[in-house]
C-alpha atoms as a PDB file:
ATOM      1  CA  MET A   1       7.296 118.806 191.839  1.00  0.00           C
ATOM      2  CA  THR A   2       9.547 117.718 189.147  1.00  0.00           C
ATOM      3  CA  THR A   3      11.263 120.184 186.701  1.00  0.00           C
ATOM      4  CA  GLU A   4      10.549 119.517 183.114  1.00  0.00           C
ATOM      5  CA  TYR A   5      13.386 119.783 180.578  1.00  0.00           C
ATOM      6  CA  ASN A   6      13.612 120.071 176.777  1.00  0.00           C
ATOM      7  CA  SER A   7      16.346 119.333 174.480  1.00  0.00           C
ATOM      8  CA  ILE A   8      17.375 120.516 170.888  1.00  0.00           C
ATOM      9  CA  PRO A   9      20.570 119.954 168.930  1.00  0.00           C
ATOM     10  CA  THR A  10      22.658 123.341 168.656  1.00  0.00           C
ATOM     11  CA  THR A  11      25.817 122.050 167.450  1.00  0.00           C
ATOM     12  CA  MET A  12      27.010 119.731 164.649  1.00  0.00           C
ATOM     13  CA  SER A  13      30.503 118.283 164.298  1.00  0.00           C
ATOM     14  CA  ILE A  14      32.163 117.504 160.952  1.00  0.00           C
ATOM     15  CA  TYR A  15      35.029 115.140 161.045  1.00  0.00           C
ATOM     16  CA  ARG A  16      37.078 112.611 159.021  1.00  0.00           C
ATOM     17  CA  LYS A  17      35.997 109.064 159.106  1.00  0.00           C
ATOM     18  CA  GLY A  18      38.169 107.255 161.674  1.00  0.00           C
ATOM     19  CA  ASP A  19      38.744 110.533 163.777  1.00  0.00           C
ATOM     20  CA  HIS A  20      37.054 111.065 167.265  1.00  0.00           C
ATOM     21  CA  PRO A  21      33.850 113.171 166.780  1.00  0.00           C
ATOM     22  CA  LEU A  22      34.506 115.279 170.133  1.00  0.00           C
ATOM     23  CA  PHE A  23      38.200 115.930 170.138  1.00  0.00           C
ATOM     24  CA  GLY A  24      39.584 114.719 166.895  1.00  0.00           C
ATOM     25  CA  GLU A  25      42.188 116.877 164.973  1.00  0.00           C
ATOM     26  CA  SER A  26      39.758 117.164 161.976  1.00  0.00           C
ATOM     27  CA  ILE A  27      36.617 118.391 163.711  1.00  0.00           C
ATOM     28  CA  THR A  28      34.802 121.443 162.252  1.00  0.00           C
ATOM     29  CA  LYS A  29      31.948 122.535 164.687  1.00  0.00           C
ATOM     30  CA  VAL A  30      28.895 124.355 163.297  1.00  0.00           C
ATOM     31  CA  GLU A  31      26.826 125.821 166.233  1.00  0.00           C
ATOM     32  CA  LEU A  32      23.919 128.065 166.687  1.00  0.00           C
ATOM     33  CA  GLU A  33      24.650 131.226 168.541  1.00  0.00           C
ATOM     34  CA  ASP A  34      22.580 134.114 169.656  1.00  0.00           C
ATOM     35  CA  ASP A  35      23.841 137.466 171.078  1.00  0.00           C
ATOM     36  CA  ALA A  36      20.482 138.919 171.628  1.00  0.00           C
ATOM     37  CA  GLY A  37      20.566 140.411 168.212  1.00  0.00           C
ATOM     38  CA  GLY A  38      19.027 137.408 166.400  1.00  0.00           C
ATOM     39  CA  ILE A  39      20.249 133.815 165.826  1.00  0.00           C
ATOM     40  CA  PHE A  40      23.496 133.315 163.661  1.00  0.00           C
ATOM     41  CA  PHE A  41      25.884 130.485 163.444  1.00  0.00           C
ATOM     42  CA  THR A  42      29.562 129.997 163.921  1.00  0.00           C
ATOM     43  CA  ILE A  43      32.032 127.524 162.120  1.00  0.00           C
ATOM     44  CA  LYS A  44      34.822 126.666 164.457  1.00  0.00           C
ATOM     45  CA  GLN A  45      38.138 124.624 164.040  1.00  0.00           C
ATOM     46  CA  ASP A  46      40.752 124.106 166.859  1.00  0.00           C
ATOM     47  CA  PRO A  47      44.390 124.434 165.700  1.00  0.00           C
ATOM     48  CA  ASN A  48      45.636 121.222 164.064  1.00  0.00           C
ATOM     49  CA  GLU A  49      47.972 119.841 161.273  1.00  0.00           C
ATOM     50  CA  PHE A  50      45.836 121.734 158.685  1.00  0.00           C
ATOM     51  CA  GLY A  51      46.152 125.245 160.088  1.00  0.00           C
ATOM     52  CA  PRO A  52      45.752 127.599 162.979  1.00  0.00           C
ATOM     53  CA  GLY A  53      42.112 127.203 163.443  1.00  0.00           C
ATOM     54  CA  GLY A  54      39.517 130.010 164.146  1.00  0.00           C
ATOM     55  CA  VAL A  55      35.992 131.136 164.202  1.00  0.00           C
ATOM     56  CA  LEU A  56      33.720 132.297 161.375  1.00  0.00           C
ATOM     57  CA  ARG A  57      30.667 134.050 162.356  1.00  0.00           C
ATOM     58  CA  LEU A  58      27.863 134.165 159.694  1.00  0.00           C
ATOM     59  CA  ASP A  59      24.193 135.043 159.200  1.00  0.00           C
ATOM     60  CA  PHE A  60      21.951 132.743 157.706  1.00  0.00           C
ATOM     61  CA  ASP A  61      21.180 135.388 154.920  1.00  0.00           C
ATOM     62  CA  GLU A  62      24.893 134.909 153.969  1.00  0.00           C
ATOM     63  CA  VAL A  63      24.825 131.222 153.261  1.00  0.00           C
ATOM     64  CA  ASP A  64      23.498 131.086 149.664  1.00  0.00           C
ATOM     65  CA  GLN A  65      26.057 133.714 148.503  1.00  0.00           C
ATOM     66  CA  LEU A  66      28.903 131.800 150.459  1.00  0.00           C
ATOM     67  CA  ILE A  67      27.985 128.589 148.985  1.00  0.00           C
ATOM     68  CA  GLY A  68      27.782 130.220 145.494  1.00  0.00           C
ATOM     69  CA  ALA A  69      31.295 131.533 145.995  1.00  0.00           C
ATOM     70  CA  ILE A  70      32.699 128.195 147.282  1.00  0.00           C
ATOM     71  CA  ASN A  71      31.117 126.313 144.200  1.00  0.00           C
ATOM     72  CA  TYR A  72      32.367 128.950 141.908  1.00  0.00           C
ATOM     73  CA  LEU A  73      35.966 128.476 143.425  1.00  0.00           C
ATOM     74  CA  LYS A  74      35.618 124.789 143.287  1.00  0.00           C
ATOM     75  CA  ASP A  75      35.150 125.118 139.523  1.00  0.00           C
ATOM     76  CA  VAL A  76      38.094 127.413 139.166  1.00  0.00           C
ATOM     77  CA  ALA A  77      40.256 124.972 141.210  1.00  0.00           C
ATOM     78  CA  ALA A  78      39.157 122.266 138.680  1.00  0.00           C
ATOM     79  CA  LEU A  79      40.355 124.440 135.797  1.00  0.00           C
ATOM     80  CA  VAL A  80      43.635 125.150 137.549  1.00  0.00           C
ATOM     81  CA  GLU A  81      44.350 121.385 138.132  1.00  0.00           C
ATOM     82  CA  LYS A  82      43.475 120.690 134.525  1.00  0.00           C
ATOM     83  CA  GLU A  83      46.028 123.397 133.340  1.00  0.00           C
ATOM     84  CA  MET A  84      48.607 122.020 135.650  1.00  0.00           C
ATOM     85  CA  GLU A  85      48.070 118.504 134.118  1.00  0.00           C
ATOM     86  CA  HIS A  86      49.143 120.114 130.765  1.00  0.00           C
ATOM     87  CA  TYR A  87      52.332 121.433 132.156  1.00  0.00           C
ATOM     88  CA  LYS A  88      53.139 118.045 133.777  1.00  0.00           C
ATOM     89  CA  HIS A  89      52.844 116.372 130.500  1.00  0.00           C
ATOM     90  CA  GLY A  90      54.885 119.023 128.542  1.00  0.00           C
ATOM     91  CA  PHE A  91      51.896 120.675 126.605  1.00  0.00           C
END
């Protein structure tokens, strides 16, 4: 009797082009987790040249609000950059 196996992806790696997808310095891993209280996901980074690394634990119902906050702050960052251009040119 042979044992049957299934497979399913539970981790995604996001990394800079040219970096190694398993152990490169730019890797951000998004992974499904379950602690018997329901499935959630983690976002993990190892310490690297960009910072100390760490782990975020998020429920899927937080994603829309998180993306909204990120997009809002992205717009604010664009405004700050535009303001800084004015200062560089002496306005």
